[in-house]
């Protein structure tokens, strides 16, 4: 029982930064693309609208699946 509670607490704390990164990527796809790669370009690259739309869709799908996983994990195992 205590192992399950510890696993739930650990999962909760590990999901917080993941959600933060996914939300940041959804709202600022241009900046998230350049994270760690800015040194490779002299100027900011022009990202296509298709890339931005793709990034937002994939990020939204990831948020939905992670939320479903977390809800199932937290409420199924008692």
PDB file of N, CA and C in Angstrom:
ATOM      1  N   UNK A   1       0.808  -1.197   0.000  1.00  0.00           N
ATOM      2  CA  UNK A   1       0.000   0.000   0.000  1.00  0.00           C
ATOM      3  C   UNK A   1       0.856   1.267   0.000  1.00  0.00           C
ATOM      4  N   UNK A   2       1.873   1.307   0.852  1.00  0.00           N
ATOM      5  CA  UNK A   2       2.709   2.502   0.914  1.00  0.00           C
ATOM      6  C   UNK A   2       3.546   2.661  -0.351  1.00  0.00           C
ATOM      7  N   UNK A   3       3.883   1.533  -1.016  1.00  0.00           N
ATOM      8  CA  UNK A   3       4.631   1.633  -2.274  1.00  0.00           C
ATOM      9  C   UNK A   3       3.775   2.275  -3.357  1.00  0.00           C
ATOM     10  N   UNK A   4       2.486   1.949  -3.346  1.00  0.00           N
ATOM     11  CA  UNK A   4       1.576   2.525  -4.331  1.00  0.00           C
ATOM     12  C   UNK A   4       1.402   4.022  -4.104  1.00  0.00           C
ATOM     13  N   UNK A   5       1.290   4.422  -2.862  1.00  0.00           N
ATOM     14  CA  UNK A   5       1.170   5.851  -2.553  1.00  0.00           C
ATOM     15  C   UNK A   5       2.443   6.584  -2.955  1.00  0.00           C
ATOM     16  N   UNK A   6       3.581   5.979  -2.681  1.00  0.00           N
ATOM     17  CA  UNK A   6       4.854   6.598  -3.073  1.00  0.00           C
ATOM     18  C   UNK A   6       4.957   6.703  -4.588  1.00  0.00           C
ATOM     19  N   UNK A   7       4.495   5.686  -5.303  1.00  0.00           N
ATOM     20  CA  UNK A   7       4.535   5.718  -6.760  1.00  0.00           C
ATOM     21  C   UNK A   7       3.616   6.812  -7.308  1.00  0.00           C
ATOM     22  N   UNK A   8       2.468   6.981  -6.701  1.00  0.00           N
ATOM     23  CA  UNK A   8       1.547   8.038  -7.137  1.00  0.00           C
ATOM     24  C   UNK A   8       2.132   9.420  -6.890  1.00  0.00           C
ATOM     25  N   UNK A   9       2.738   9.607  -5.735  1.00  0.00           N
ATOM     26  CA  UNK A   9       3.348  10.901  -5.426  1.00  0.00           C
ATOM     27  C   UNK A   9       4.505  11.189  -6.380  1.00  0.00           C
ATOM     28  N   UNK A  10       5.337  10.177  -6.622  1.00  0.00           N
ATOM     29  CA  UNK A  10       6.471  10.356  -7.535  1.00  0.00           C
ATOM     30  C   UNK A  10       5.992  10.656  -8.954  1.00  0.00           C
ATOM     31  N   UNK A  11       4.970   9.947  -9.390  1.00  0.00           N
ATOM     32  CA  UNK A  11       4.419  10.195 -10.726  1.00  0.00           C
ATOM     33  C   UNK A  11       3.869  11.603 -10.830  1.00  0.00           C
ATOM     34  N   UNK A  12       3.168  12.040  -9.809  1.00  0.00           N
ATOM     35  CA  UNK A  12       2.615  13.391  -9.806  1.00  0.00           C
ATOM     36  C   UNK A  12       3.717  14.442  -9.939  1.00  0.00           C
ATOM     37  N   UNK A  13       4.783  14.288  -9.160  1.00  0.00           N
ATOM     38  CA  UNK A  13       5.868  15.271  -9.207  1.00  0.00           C
ATOM     39  C   UNK A  13       6.674  15.200 -10.505  1.00  0.00           C
ATOM     40  N   UNK A  14       6.711  14.044 -11.135  1.00  0.00           N
ATOM     41  CA  UNK A  14       7.404  13.942 -12.421  1.00  0.00           C
ATOM     42  C   UNK A  14       6.558  14.483 -13.567  1.00  0.00           C
ATOM     43  N   UNK A  15       5.255  14.472 -13.416  1.00  0.00           N
ATOM     44  CA  UNK A  15       4.383  14.987 -14.471  1.00  0.00           C
ATOM     45  C   UNK A  15       4.318  16.511 -14.501  1.00  0.00           C
ATOM     46  N   UNK A  16       4.576  17.161 -13.392  1.00  0.00           N
ATOM     47  CA  UNK A  16       4.507  18.625 -13.348  1.00  0.00           C
ATOM     48  C   UNK A  16       5.478  19.274 -14.338  1.00  0.00           C
ATOM     49  N   UNK A  17       6.780  18.919 -14.343  1.00  0.00           N
ATOM     50  CA  UNK A  17       7.666  19.544 -15.328  1.00  0.00           C
ATOM     51  C   UNK A  17       7.328  19.139 -16.762  1.00  0.00           C
ATOM     52  N   UNK A  18       6.838  17.910 -16.939  1.00  0.00           N
ATOM     53  CA  UNK A  18       6.457  17.474 -18.277  1.00  0.00           C
ATOM     54  C   UNK A  18       5.296  18.306 -18.803  1.00  0.00           C
ATOM     55  N   UNK A  19       4.297  18.533 -17.963  1.00  0.00           N
ATOM     56  CA  UNK A  19       3.196  19.407 -18.361  1.00  0.00           C
ATOM     57  C   UNK A  19       3.687  20.821 -18.644  1.00  0.00           C
ATOM     58  N   UNK A  20       4.589  21.324 -17.835  1.00  0.00           N
ATOM     59  CA  UNK A  20       5.112  22.681 -18.048  1.00  0.00           C
ATOM     60  C   UNK A  20       5.803  22.792 -19.399  1.00  0.00           C
ATOM     61  N   UNK A  21       6.616  21.799 -19.733  1.00  0.00           N
ATOM     62  CA  UNK A  21       7.307  21.814 -21.027  1.00  0.00           C
ATOM     63  C   UNK A  21       6.320  21.706 -22.176  1.00  0.00           C
ATOM     64  N   UNK A  22       5.328  20.833 -22.040  1.00  0.00           N
ATOM     65  CA  UNK A  22       4.347  20.676 -23.114  1.00  0.00           C
ATOM     66  C   UNK A  22       3.509  21.944 -23.288  1.00  0.00           C
ATOM     67  N   UNK A  23       3.112  22.573 -22.197  1.00  0.00           N
ATOM     68  CA  UNK A  23       2.346  23.816 -22.316  1.00  0.00           C
ATOM     69  C   UNK A  23       3.190  24.930 -22.923  1.00  0.00           C
ATOM     70  N   UNK A  24       4.442  25.005 -22.517  1.00  0.00           N
ATOM     71  CA  UNK A  24       5.342  26.015 -23.091  1.00  0.00           C
ATOM     72  C   UNK A  24       5.514  25.767 -24.585  1.00  0.00           C
ATOM     73  N   UNK A  25       5.676  24.508 -24.978  1.00  0.00           N
ATOM     74  CA  UNK A  25       5.827  24.172 -26.390  1.00  0.00           C
ATOM     75  C   UNK A  25       4.566  24.507 -27.167  1.00  0.00           C
ATOM     76  N   UNK A  26       3.405  24.281 -26.561  1.00  0.00           N
ATOM     77  CA  UNK A  26       2.145  24.590 -27.247  1.00  0.00           C
ATOM     78  C   UNK A  26       1.986  26.091 -27.469  1.00  0.00           C
ATOM     79  N   UNK A  27       2.259  26.885 -26.450  1.00  0.00           N
ATOM     80  CA  UNK A  27       2.036  28.325 -26.558  1.00  0.00           C
ATOM     81  C   UNK A  27       3.185  29.068 -27.241  1.00  0.00           C
ATOM     82  N   UNK A  28       4.400  28.533 -27.212  1.00  0.00           N
ATOM     83  CA  UNK A  28       5.556  29.180 -27.827  1.00  0.00           C
ATOM     84  C   UNK A  28       6.343  28.176 -28.677  1.00  0.00           C
ATOM     85  N   UNK A  29       5.780  27.723 -29.799  1.00  0.00           N
ATOM     86  CA  UNK A  29       6.469  26.701 -30.594  1.00  0.00           C
ATOM     87  C   UNK A  29       7.773  27.197 -31.225  1.00  0.00           C
ATOM     88  N   UNK A  30       7.860  28.467 -31.555  1.00  0.00           N
ATOM     89  CA  UNK A  30       9.101  28.986 -32.153  1.00  0.00           C
ATOM     90  C   UNK A  30      10.252  28.946 -31.146  1.00  0.00           C
ATOM     91  N   UNK A  31       9.989  29.367 -29.921  1.00  0.00           N
ATOM     92  CA  UNK A  31      11.032  29.365 -28.905  1.00  0.00           C
ATOM     93  C   UNK A  31      11.415  27.947 -28.503  1.00  0.00           C
ATOM     94  N   UNK A  32      10.440  27.053 -28.473  1.00  0.00           N
ATOM     95  CA  UNK A  32      10.759  25.675 -28.092  1.00  0.00           C
ATOM     96  C   UNK A  32      11.590  24.987 -29.164  1.00  0.00           C
ATOM     97  N   UNK A  33      11.394  25.370 -30.418  1.00  0.00           N
ATOM     98  CA  UNK A  33      12.228  24.808 -31.486  1.00  0.00           C
ATOM     99  C   UNK A  33      13.675  25.235 -31.321  1.00  0.00           C
ATOM    100  N   UNK A  34      13.891  26.462 -30.906  1.00  0.00           N
ATOM    101  CA  UNK A  34      15.243  26.994 -30.790  1.00  0.00           C
ATOM    102  C   UNK A  34      15.933  26.650 -29.471  1.00  0.00           C
ATOM    103  N   UNK A  35      15.232  26.000 -28.560  1.00  0.00           N
ATOM    104  CA  UNK A  35      15.818  25.660 -27.272  1.00  0.00           C
ATOM    105  C   UNK A  35      17.017  24.729 -27.470  1.00  0.00           C
ATOM    106  N   UNK A  36      18.187  25.207 -27.129  1.00  0.00           N
ATOM    107  CA  UNK A  36      19.407  24.422 -27.265  1.00  0.00           C
ATOM    108  C   UNK A  36      19.999  24.424 -28.656  1.00  0.00           C
ATOM    109  N   UNK A  37      19.325  25.053 -29.607  1.00  0.00           N
ATOM    110  CA  UNK A  37      19.813  25.089 -30.989  1.00  0.00           C
ATOM    111  C   UNK A  37      20.100  26.502 -31.474  1.00  0.00           C
ATOM    112  N   UNK A  38      19.886  27.465 -30.633  1.00  0.00           N
ATOM    113  CA  UNK A  38      20.047  28.856 -31.056  1.00  0.00           C
ATOM    114  C   UNK A  38      21.469  29.161 -31.534  1.00  0.00           C
ATOM    115  N   UNK A  39      22.450  28.472 -30.982  1.00  0.00           N
ATOM    116  CA  UNK A  39      23.838  28.705 -31.345  1.00  0.00           C
ATOM    117  C   UNK A  39      24.123  28.259 -32.780  1.00  0.00           C
ATOM    118  N   UNK A  40      23.283  27.424 -33.345  1.00  0.00           N
ATOM    119  CA  UNK A  40      23.531  26.904 -34.695  1.00  0.00           C
ATOM    120  C   UNK A  40      23.163  27.899 -35.786  1.00  0.00           C
ATOM    121  N   UNK A  41      22.417  28.938 -35.440  1.00  0.00           N
ATOM    122  CA  UNK A  41      21.910  29.874 -36.442  1.00  0.00           C
ATOM    123  C   UNK A  41      22.426  31.281 -36.174  1.00  0.00           C
ATOM    124  N   UNK A  42      22.776  31.972 -37.244  1.00  0.00           N
ATOM    125  CA  UNK A  42      23.150  33.373 -37.113  1.00  0.00           C
ATOM    126  C   UNK A  42      21.910  34.231 -36.885  1.00  0.00           C
ATOM    127  N   UNK A  43      20.831  33.875 -37.553  1.00  0.00           N
ATOM    128  CA  UNK A  43      19.553  34.551 -37.395  1.00  0.00           C
ATOM    129  C   UNK A  43      18.518  33.513 -37.006  1.00  0.00           C
ATOM    130  N   UNK A  44      17.402  33.980 -36.461  1.00  0.00           N
ATOM    131  CA  UNK A  44      16.328  33.041 -36.145  1.00  0.00           C
ATOM    132  C   UNK A  44      15.768  32.465 -37.440  1.00  0.00           C
ATOM    133  N   UNK A  45      15.639  31.146 -37.534  1.00  0.00           N
ATOM    134  CA  UNK A  45      15.098  30.550 -38.756  1.00  0.00           C
ATOM    135  C   UNK A  45      13.597  30.829 -38.887  1.00  0.00           C
ATOM    136  N   UNK A  46      13.145  30.857 -40.111  1.00  0.00           N
ATOM    137  CA  UNK A  46      11.722  31.038 -40.382  1.00  0.00           C
ATOM    138  C   UNK A  46      11.056  29.669 -40.339  1.00  0.00           C
ATOM    139  N   UNK A  47      10.145  29.493 -39.407  1.00  0.00           N
ATOM    140  CA  UNK A  47       9.423  28.238 -39.304  1.00  0.00           C
ATOM    141  C   UNK A  47       8.115  28.355 -40.079  1.00  0.00           C
ATOM    142  N   UNK A  48       7.788  27.305 -40.793  1.00  0.00           N
ATOM    143  CA  UNK A  48       6.566  27.333 -41.594  1.00  0.00           C
ATOM    144  C   UNK A  48       5.341  27.210 -40.698  1.00  0.00           C
ATOM    145  N   UNK A  49       4.226  27.660 -41.230  1.00  0.00           N
ATOM    146  CA  UNK A  49       2.965  27.547 -40.496  1.00  0.00           C
ATOM    147  C   UNK A  49       2.585  26.090 -40.300  1.00  0.00           C
ATOM    148  N   UNK A  50       2.954  25.226 -41.243  1.00  0.00           N
ATOM    149  CA  UNK A  50       2.664  23.796 -41.113  1.00  0.00           C
ATOM    150  C   UNK A  50       3.435  23.190 -39.944  1.00  0.00           C
ATOM    151  N   UNK A  51       4.684  23.595 -39.781  1.00  0.00           N
ATOM    152  CA  UNK A  51       5.477  23.090 -38.660  1.00  0.00           C
ATOM    153  C   UNK A  51       4.881  23.525 -37.326  1.00  0.00           C
ATOM    154  N   UNK A  52       4.467  24.773 -37.249  1.00  0.00           N
ATOM    155  CA  UNK A  52       3.882  25.286 -36.010  1.00  0.00           C
ATOM    156  C   UNK A  52       2.576  24.561 -35.712  1.00  0.00           C
ATOM    157  N   UNK A  53       1.742  24.351 -36.735  1.00  0.00           N
ATOM    158  CA  UNK A  53       0.490  23.633 -36.544  1.00  0.00           C
ATOM    159  C   UNK A  53       0.754  22.193 -36.116  1.00  0.00           C
ATOM    160  N   UNK A  54       1.731  21.540 -36.753  1.00  0.00           N
ATOM    161  CA  UNK A  54       2.097  20.171 -36.405  1.00  0.00           C
ATOM    162  C   UNK A  54       2.573  20.088 -34.952  1.00  0.00           C
ATOM    163  N   UNK A  55       3.407  21.013 -34.547  1.00  0.00           N
ATOM    164  CA  UNK A  55       3.920  21.035 -33.176  1.00  0.00           C
ATOM    165  C   UNK A  55       2.787  21.205 -32.171  1.00  0.00           C
ATOM    166  N   UNK A  56       1.860  22.098 -32.469  1.00  0.00           N
ATOM    167  CA  UNK A  56       0.739  22.312 -31.553  1.00  0.00           C
ATOM    168  C   UNK A  56      -0.157  21.081 -31.464  1.00  0.00           C
ATOM    169  N   UNK A  57      -0.412  20.424 -32.593  1.00  0.00           N
ATOM    170  CA  UNK A  57      -1.266  19.236 -32.587  1.00  0.00           C
ATOM    171  C   UNK A  57      -0.609  18.102 -31.813  1.00  0.00           C
ATOM    172  N   UNK A  58       0.674  17.861 -32.061  1.00  0.00           N
ATOM    173  CA  UNK A  58       1.383  16.779 -31.368  1.00  0.00           C
ATOM    174  C   UNK A  58       1.458  17.067 -29.868  1.00  0.00           C
ATOM    175  N   UNK A  59       1.701  18.296 -29.514  1.00  0.00           N
ATOM    176  CA  UNK A  59       1.758  18.667 -28.104  1.00  0.00           C
ATOM    177  C   UNK A  59       0.404  18.486 -27.434  1.00  0.00           C
ATOM    178  N   UNK A  60      -0.662  18.887 -28.110  1.00  0.00           N
ATOM    179  CA  UNK A  60      -2.003  18.720 -27.559  1.00  0.00           C
ATOM    180  C   UNK A  60      -2.355  17.243 -27.390  1.00  0.00           C
ATOM    181  N   UNK A  61      -1.992  16.413 -28.363  1.00  0.00           N
ATOM    182  CA  UNK A  61      -2.232  14.973 -28.259  1.00  0.00           C
ATOM    183  C   UNK A  61      -1.450  14.393 -27.079  1.00  0.00           C
ATOM    184  N   UNK A  62      -0.213  14.815 -26.911  1.00  0.00           N
ATOM    185  CA  UNK A  62       0.597  14.329 -25.789  1.00  0.00           C
ATOM    186  C   UNK A  62      -0.020  14.735 -24.457  1.00  0.00           C
ATOM    187  N   UNK A  63      -0.510  15.964 -24.354  1.00  0.00           N
ATOM    188  CA  UNK A  63      -1.143  16.416 -23.118  1.00  0.00           C
ATOM    189  C   UNK A  63      -2.373  15.566 -22.813  1.00  0.00           C
ATOM    190  N   UNK A  64      -3.180  15.281 -23.822  1.00  0.00           N
ATOM    191  CA  UNK A  64      -4.391  14.482 -23.612  1.00  0.00           C
ATOM    192  C   UNK A  64      -4.033  13.068 -23.161  1.00  0.00           C
ATOM    193  N   UNK A  65      -3.081  12.418 -23.846  1.00  0.00           N
ATOM    194  CA  UNK A  65      -2.713  11.057 -23.479  1.00  0.00           C
ATOM    195  C   UNK A  65      -2.072  10.982 -22.096  1.00  0.00           C
ATOM    196  N   UNK A  66      -1.254  11.935 -21.745  1.00  0.00           N
ATOM    197  CA  UNK A  66      -0.631  11.932 -20.423  1.00  0.00           C
ATOM    198  C   UNK A  66      -1.681  12.166 -19.342  1.00  0.00           C
ATOM    199  N   UNK A  67      -2.653  13.029 -19.621  1.00  0.00           N
ATOM    200  CA  UNK A  67      -3.725  13.258 -18.669  1.00  0.00           C
ATOM    201  C   UNK A  67      -4.554  11.991 -18.461  1.00  0.00           C
ATOM    202  N   UNK A  68      -4.878  11.308 -19.549  1.00  0.00           N
ATOM    203  CA  UNK A  68      -5.633  10.053 -19.433  1.00  0.00           C
ATOM    204  C   UNK A  68      -4.827   9.024 -18.653  1.00  0.00           C
ATOM    205  N   UNK A  69      -3.547   8.903 -18.968  1.00  0.00           N
ATOM    206  CA  UNK A  69      -2.689   7.966 -18.241  1.00  0.00           C
ATOM    207  C   UNK A  69      -2.662   8.292 -16.753  1.00  0.00           C
ATOM    208  N   UNK A  70      -2.508   9.547 -16.426  1.00  0.00           N
ATOM    209  CA  UNK A  70      -2.428   9.947 -15.013  1.00  0.00           C
ATOM    210  C   UNK A  70      -3.745   9.674 -14.294  1.00  0.00           C
ATOM    211  N   UNK A  71      -4.855   9.997 -14.934  1.00  0.00           N
ATOM    212  CA  UNK A  71      -6.150   9.755 -14.296  1.00  0.00           C
ATOM    213  C   UNK A  71      -6.402   8.271 -14.069  1.00  0.00           C
ATOM    214  N   UNK A  72      -6.074   7.458 -15.057  1.00  0.00           N
ATOM    215  CA  UNK A  72      -6.242   6.013 -14.897  1.00  0.00           C
ATOM    216  C   UNK A  72      -5.328   5.502 -13.794  1.00  0.00           C
ATOM    217  N   UNK A  73      -4.091   5.944 -13.789  1.00  0.00           N
ATOM    218  CA  UNK A  73      -3.136   5.501 -12.786  1.00  0.00           C
ATOM    219  C   UNK A  73      -3.553   5.904 -11.381  1.00  0.00           C
ATOM    220  N   UNK A  74      -4.022   7.139 -11.225  1.00  0.00           N
ATOM    221  CA  UNK A  74      -4.363   7.634  -9.897  1.00  0.00           C
ATOM    222  C   UNK A  74      -5.675   7.059  -9.355  1.00  0.00           C
ATOM    223  N   UNK A  75      -6.647   6.795 -10.248  1.00  0.00           N
ATOM    224  CA  UNK A  75      -7.954   6.382  -9.759  1.00  0.00           C
ATOM    225  C   UNK A  75      -8.238   4.891  -9.902  1.00  0.00           C
ATOM    226  N   UNK A  76      -7.506   4.193 -10.758  1.00  0.00           N
ATOM    227  CA  UNK A  76      -7.754   2.765 -10.922  1.00  0.00           C
ATOM    228  C   UNK A  76      -7.104   1.974  -9.794  1.00  0.00           C
ATOM    229  N   UNK A  77      -5.890   2.334  -9.451  1.00  0.00           N
ATOM    230  CA  UNK A  77      -5.160   1.599  -8.424  1.00  0.00           C
ATOM    231  C   UNK A  77      -5.351   2.294  -7.072  1.00  0.00           C
ATOM    232  N   UNK A  78      -6.054   1.620  -6.189  1.00  0.00           N
ATOM    233  CA  UNK A  78      -6.324   2.229  -4.882  1.00  0.00           C
ATOM    234  C   UNK A  78      -5.698   1.424  -3.774  1.00  0.00           C
TER     235      UNK A  78
END
